Amino acid sequence: MKNSRKIKAGKRNLMTPLLFHTAAGLVISVLSVLAFLEPVRLALCFPGIFLLSAIVCLADGLENLREWRAKRTESRAVLFLLPAGAFLLGMAVLAAVTAL
């Protein structure tokens, strides 16, 4: 009984990242459709698209970095995800500045 509690307490919740990615993907899709239907009136949708993409990319990059440092994986995806997330964050700031 005591061992099963330790296993459950140490287990990561795998549904949380999946739900986060699904929700972010749906919001990005809706914002993209709205932004391209009315680009002048809804210009602030573009920074939202870039910001959500950057958050997802940076979250994945940090998770991969944590696993890579713990030597649980040989994946080098972190070398792409963190710079891509930083680029998308810069694009969000640039889009927000130009939209105002």
N, C-alpha and C. Protein backbone atom coordinates (compact mmCIF):
# COMPACT_ATOMS: atom_id res chain seq x y z
N MET A 1 0.81 -1.20 0.00
CA MET A 1 0.00 0.00 0.00
C MET A 1 0.86 1.26 0.00
N LYS A 2 1.91 1.22 0.78
CA LYS A 2 2.78 2.38 0.87
C LYS A 2 3.51 2.63 -0.45
N ASN A 3 3.92 1.57 -1.13
CA ASN A 3 4.63 1.72 -2.39
C ASN A 3 3.73 2.28 -3.49
N SER A 4 2.46 1.91 -3.51
CA SER A 4 1.57 2.40 -4.55
C SER A 4 1.35 3.91 -4.42
N ARG A 5 1.37 4.42 -3.22
CA ARG A 5 1.24 5.86 -3.03
C ARG A 5 2.45 6.60 -3.58
N LYS A 6 3.63 6.03 -3.39
CA LYS A 6 4.83 6.66 -3.91
C LYS A 6 4.82 6.69 -5.43
N ILE A 7 4.36 5.64 -6.04
CA ILE A 7 4.30 5.59 -7.49
C ILE A 7 3.31 6.62 -8.01
N LYS A 8 2.14 6.70 -7.39
CA LYS A 8 1.14 7.66 -7.84
C LYS A 8 1.60 9.09 -7.60
N ALA A 9 2.29 9.35 -6.50
CA ALA A 9 2.74 10.70 -6.19
C ALA A 9 3.86 11.13 -7.15
N GLY A 10 4.68 10.19 -7.58
CA GLY A 10 5.79 10.52 -8.46
C GLY A 10 5.42 10.56 -9.93
N LYS A 11 4.25 10.08 -10.27
CA LYS A 11 3.81 10.04 -11.65
C LYS A 11 3.45 11.44 -12.14
N ARG A 12 3.87 11.75 -13.36
CA ARG A 12 3.49 13.04 -13.95
C ARG A 12 2.11 12.92 -14.57
N ASN A 13 1.39 14.00 -14.53
CA ASN A 13 0.08 14.02 -15.16
C ASN A 13 0.28 14.30 -16.64
N LEU A 14 0.05 13.29 -17.48
CA LEU A 14 0.30 13.44 -18.90
C LEU A 14 -0.86 14.10 -19.65
N MET A 15 -1.99 14.22 -19.01
CA MET A 15 -3.14 14.84 -19.67
C MET A 15 -3.05 16.36 -19.70
N THR A 16 -2.36 16.96 -18.74
CA THR A 16 -2.28 18.41 -18.66
C THR A 16 -1.61 19.03 -19.89
N PRO A 17 -0.43 18.55 -20.32
CA PRO A 17 0.15 19.13 -21.53
C PRO A 17 -0.71 18.89 -22.77
N LEU A 18 -1.34 17.75 -22.83
CA LEU A 18 -2.20 17.44 -23.98
C LEU A 18 -3.39 18.38 -24.03
N LEU A 19 -4.02 18.62 -22.91
CA LEU A 19 -5.15 19.55 -22.87
C LEU A 19 -4.70 20.98 -23.18
N PHE A 20 -3.53 21.36 -22.67
CA PHE A 20 -2.99 22.69 -22.94
C PHE A 20 -2.72 22.88 -24.43
N HIS A 21 -2.10 21.88 -25.07
CA HIS A 21 -1.83 21.98 -26.50
C HIS A 21 -3.11 22.01 -27.32
N THR A 22 -4.09 21.22 -26.92
CA THR A 22 -5.36 21.20 -27.64
C THR A 22 -6.08 22.54 -27.52
N ALA A 23 -6.15 23.08 -26.31
CA ALA A 23 -6.82 24.36 -26.11
C ALA A 23 -6.08 25.48 -26.84
N ALA A 24 -4.76 25.49 -26.75
CA ALA A 24 -3.99 26.53 -27.43
C ALA A 24 -4.16 26.41 -28.95
N GLY A 25 -4.18 25.20 -29.46
CA GLY A 25 -4.38 25.01 -30.90
C GLY A 25 -5.73 25.50 -31.37
N LEU A 26 -6.76 25.23 -30.58
CA LEU A 26 -8.10 25.71 -30.94
C LEU A 26 -8.17 27.23 -30.91
N VAL A 27 -7.60 27.83 -29.90
CA VAL A 27 -7.62 29.30 -29.79
C VAL A 27 -6.82 29.93 -30.93
N ILE A 28 -5.66 29.33 -31.25
CA ILE A 28 -4.85 29.85 -32.36
C ILE A 28 -5.63 29.75 -33.67
N SER A 29 -6.32 28.64 -33.86
CA SER A 29 -7.11 28.47 -35.09
C SER A 29 -8.23 29.50 -35.19
N VAL A 30 -8.94 29.72 -34.11
CA VAL A 30 -10.03 30.70 -34.11
C VAL A 30 -9.49 32.11 -34.34
N LEU A 31 -8.39 32.45 -33.65
CA LEU A 31 -7.80 33.77 -33.85
C LEU A 31 -7.30 33.96 -35.28
N SER A 32 -6.77 32.90 -35.87
CA SER A 32 -6.28 32.99 -37.26
C SER A 32 -7.42 33.25 -38.22
N VAL A 33 -8.52 32.55 -38.04
CA VAL A 33 -9.67 32.75 -38.92
C VAL A 33 -10.21 34.16 -38.76
N LEU A 34 -10.36 34.60 -37.53
CA LEU A 34 -10.87 35.96 -37.29
C LEU A 34 -9.94 37.02 -37.85
N ALA A 35 -8.64 36.83 -37.66
CA ALA A 35 -7.67 37.82 -38.12
C ALA A 35 -7.65 37.93 -39.63
N PHE A 36 -7.83 36.83 -40.32
CA PHE A 36 -7.80 36.90 -41.77
C PHE A 36 -9.14 37.29 -42.39
N LEU A 37 -10.21 37.18 -41.63
CA LEU A 37 -11.49 37.67 -42.12
C LEU A 37 -11.58 39.19 -42.04
N GLU A 38 -11.11 39.75 -40.95
CA GLU A 38 -11.13 41.20 -40.73
C GLU A 38 -9.75 41.67 -40.26
N PRO A 39 -8.75 41.74 -41.13
CA PRO A 39 -7.39 42.05 -40.68
C PRO A 39 -7.22 43.46 -40.14
N VAL A 40 -7.99 44.42 -40.63
CA VAL A 40 -7.83 45.79 -40.16
C VAL A 40 -8.49 45.98 -38.81
N ARG A 41 -9.71 45.49 -38.68
CA ARG A 41 -10.46 45.69 -37.45
C ARG A 41 -9.95 44.82 -36.30
N LEU A 42 -9.49 43.62 -36.61
CA LEU A 42 -9.01 42.69 -35.59
C LEU A 42 -7.50 42.49 -35.68
N ALA A 43 -6.78 43.59 -35.77
CA ALA A 43 -5.33 43.51 -35.92
C ALA A 43 -4.64 42.96 -34.68
N LEU A 44 -5.28 43.06 -33.54
CA LEU A 44 -4.66 42.54 -32.32
C LEU A 44 -4.75 41.02 -32.19
N CYS A 45 -5.40 40.37 -33.14
CA CYS A 45 -5.41 38.91 -33.14
C CYS A 45 -4.03 38.35 -33.49
N PHE A 46 -3.29 39.06 -34.33
CA PHE A 46 -1.97 38.57 -34.75
C PHE A 46 -0.99 38.45 -33.58
N PRO A 47 -0.89 39.46 -32.70
CA PRO A 47 -0.02 39.26 -31.54
C PRO A 47 -0.48 38.11 -30.64
N GLY A 48 -1.79 37.91 -30.55
CA GLY A 48 -2.29 36.77 -29.76
C GLY A 48 -1.89 35.44 -30.35
N ILE A 49 -1.93 35.35 -31.68
CA ILE A 49 -1.51 34.12 -32.36
C ILE A 49 -0.03 33.84 -32.07
N PHE A 50 0.80 34.86 -32.26
CA PHE A 50 2.23 34.68 -32.03
C PHE A 50 2.54 34.40 -30.56
N LEU A 51 1.82 35.07 -29.66
CA LEU A 51 2.08 34.87 -28.23
C LEU A 51 1.71 33.46 -27.79
N LEU A 52 0.56 32.97 -28.21
CA LEU A 52 0.18 31.60 -27.85
C LEU A 52 1.13 30.58 -28.46
N SER A 53 1.55 30.81 -29.68
CA SER A 53 2.52 29.91 -30.31
C SER A 53 3.84 29.92 -29.55
N ALA A 54 4.28 31.09 -29.13
CA ALA A 54 5.53 31.20 -28.37
C ALA A 54 5.41 30.48 -27.03
N ILE A 55 4.28 30.62 -26.36
CA ILE A 55 4.10 29.96 -25.06
C ILE A 55 4.15 28.45 -25.22
N VAL A 56 3.47 27.93 -26.23
CA VAL A 56 3.48 26.48 -26.46
C VAL A 56 4.89 26.00 -26.80
N CYS A 57 5.57 26.74 -27.66
CA CYS A 57 6.92 26.36 -28.08
C CYS A 57 7.90 26.41 -26.91
N LEU A 58 7.84 27.46 -26.11
CA LEU A 58 8.74 27.58 -24.96
C LEU A 58 8.43 26.54 -23.89
N ALA A 59 7.17 26.24 -23.68
CA ALA A 59 6.81 25.20 -22.70
C ALA A 59 7.35 23.84 -23.13
N ASP A 60 7.21 23.52 -24.41
CA ASP A 60 7.76 22.26 -24.92
C ASP A 60 9.28 22.25 -24.83
N GLY A 61 9.90 23.38 -25.15
CA GLY A 61 11.35 23.47 -25.09
C GLY A 61 11.88 23.29 -23.68
N LEU A 62 11.21 23.90 -22.71
CA LEU A 62 11.66 23.74 -21.32
C LEU A 62 11.46 22.32 -20.82
N GLU A 63 10.37 21.68 -21.24
CA GLU A 63 10.15 20.28 -20.85
C GLU A 63 11.22 19.38 -21.47
N ASN A 64 11.53 19.61 -22.74
CA ASN A 64 12.58 18.82 -23.38
C ASN A 64 13.94 19.08 -22.77
N LEU A 65 14.20 20.33 -22.38
CA LEU A 65 15.46 20.67 -21.72
C LEU A 65 15.59 19.94 -20.38
N ARG A 66 14.50 19.91 -19.64
CA ARG A 66 14.51 19.22 -18.35
C ARG A 66 14.78 17.72 -18.53
N GLU A 67 14.15 17.12 -19.52
CA GLU A 67 14.38 15.69 -19.77
C GLU A 67 15.77 15.44 -20.32
N TRP A 68 16.28 16.35 -21.14
CA TRP A 68 17.61 16.19 -21.71
C TRP A 68 18.67 16.29 -20.64
N ARG A 69 18.50 17.23 -19.70
CA ARG A 69 19.45 17.36 -18.59
C ARG A 69 19.40 16.16 -17.65
N ALA A 70 18.25 15.57 -17.50
CA ALA A 70 18.12 14.40 -16.63
C ALA A 70 18.56 13.13 -17.35
N LYS A 71 19.00 13.26 -18.59
CA LYS A 71 19.50 12.15 -19.40
C LYS A 71 18.45 11.07 -19.63
N ARG A 72 17.19 11.48 -19.63
CA ARG A 72 16.13 10.52 -19.91
C ARG A 72 15.86 10.39 -21.39
N THR A 73 16.40 11.28 -22.17
CA THR A 73 16.15 11.24 -23.61
C THR A 73 17.36 11.75 -24.36
N GLU A 74 17.48 11.34 -25.59
CA GLU A 74 18.56 11.81 -26.45
C GLU A 74 18.06 12.84 -27.45
N SER A 75 16.84 13.30 -27.27
CA SER A 75 16.23 14.24 -28.21
C SER A 75 16.93 15.59 -28.14
N ARG A 76 17.19 16.13 -29.31
CA ARG A 76 17.81 17.45 -29.40
C ARG A 76 16.78 18.50 -29.84
N ALA A 77 15.51 18.23 -29.62
CA ALA A 77 14.46 19.16 -30.03
C ALA A 77 14.58 20.49 -29.30
N VAL A 78 15.21 20.48 -28.14
CA VAL A 78 15.35 21.71 -27.37
C VAL A 78 16.18 22.73 -28.15
N LEU A 79 17.09 22.26 -29.01
CA LEU A 79 17.92 23.17 -29.79
C LEU A 79 17.10 23.93 -30.83
N PHE A 80 15.94 23.42 -31.17
CA PHE A 80 15.04 24.12 -32.09
C PHE A 80 13.94 24.87 -31.36
N LEU A 81 13.37 24.25 -30.32
CA LEU A 81 12.17 24.80 -29.69
C LEU A 81 12.43 26.10 -28.94
N LEU A 82 13.52 26.18 -28.20
CA LEU A 82 13.77 27.41 -27.43
C LEU A 82 14.08 28.61 -28.32
N PRO A 83 14.94 28.49 -29.33
CA PRO A 83 15.12 29.65 -30.22
C PRO A 83 13.85 30.00 -31.01
N ALA A 84 13.10 28.98 -31.42
CA ALA A 84 11.85 29.25 -32.14
C ALA A 84 10.86 29.96 -31.24
N GLY A 85 10.79 29.57 -29.98
CA GLY A 85 9.91 30.24 -29.03
C GLY A 85 10.32 31.69 -28.79
N ALA A 86 11.62 31.92 -28.71
CA ALA A 86 12.12 33.29 -28.54
C ALA A 86 11.80 34.13 -29.78
N PHE A 87 11.94 33.54 -30.97
CA PHE A 87 11.61 34.25 -32.20
C PHE A 87 10.12 34.60 -32.24
N LEU A 88 9.27 33.64 -31.88
CA LEU A 88 7.83 33.89 -31.89
C LEU A 88 7.43 34.95 -30.86
N LEU A 89 8.12 34.96 -29.72
CA LEU A 89 7.86 35.98 -28.71
C LEU A 89 8.24 37.36 -29.24
N GLY A 90 9.35 37.44 -29.95
CA GLY A 90 9.74 38.70 -30.58
C GLY A 90 8.74 39.14 -31.64
N MET A 91 8.22 38.18 -32.40
CA MET A 91 7.21 38.49 -33.40
C MET A 91 5.92 38.99 -32.74
N ALA A 92 5.57 38.43 -31.59
CA ALA A 92 4.37 38.88 -30.87
C ALA A 92 4.53 40.33 -30.42
N VAL A 93 5.71 40.66 -29.91
CA VAL A 93 5.96 42.03 -29.48
C VAL A 93 5.93 42.98 -30.68
N LEU A 94 6.58 42.57 -31.77
CA LEU A 94 6.59 43.40 -32.97
C LEU A 94 5.18 43.58 -33.54
N ALA A 95 4.39 42.51 -33.56
CA ALA A 95 3.02 42.61 -34.07
C ALA A 95 2.17 43.50 -33.18
N ALA A 96 2.39 43.43 -31.87
CA ALA A 96 1.62 44.27 -30.94
C ALA A 96 1.98 45.74 -31.12
N VAL A 97 3.24 46.03 -31.32
CA VAL A 97 3.67 47.41 -31.48
C VAL A 97 3.13 47.99 -32.78
N THR A 98 3.16 47.22 -33.85
CA THR A 98 2.69 47.71 -35.14
C THR A 98 1.15 47.76 -35.22
N ALA A 99 0.46 46.97 -34.40
CA ALA A 99 -1.00 46.96 -34.43
C ALA A 99 -1.59 48.15 -33.70
N LEU A 100 -0.84 48.73 -32.80
CA LEU A 100 -1.37 49.86 -32.02
C LEU A 100 -1.28 51.16 -32.73
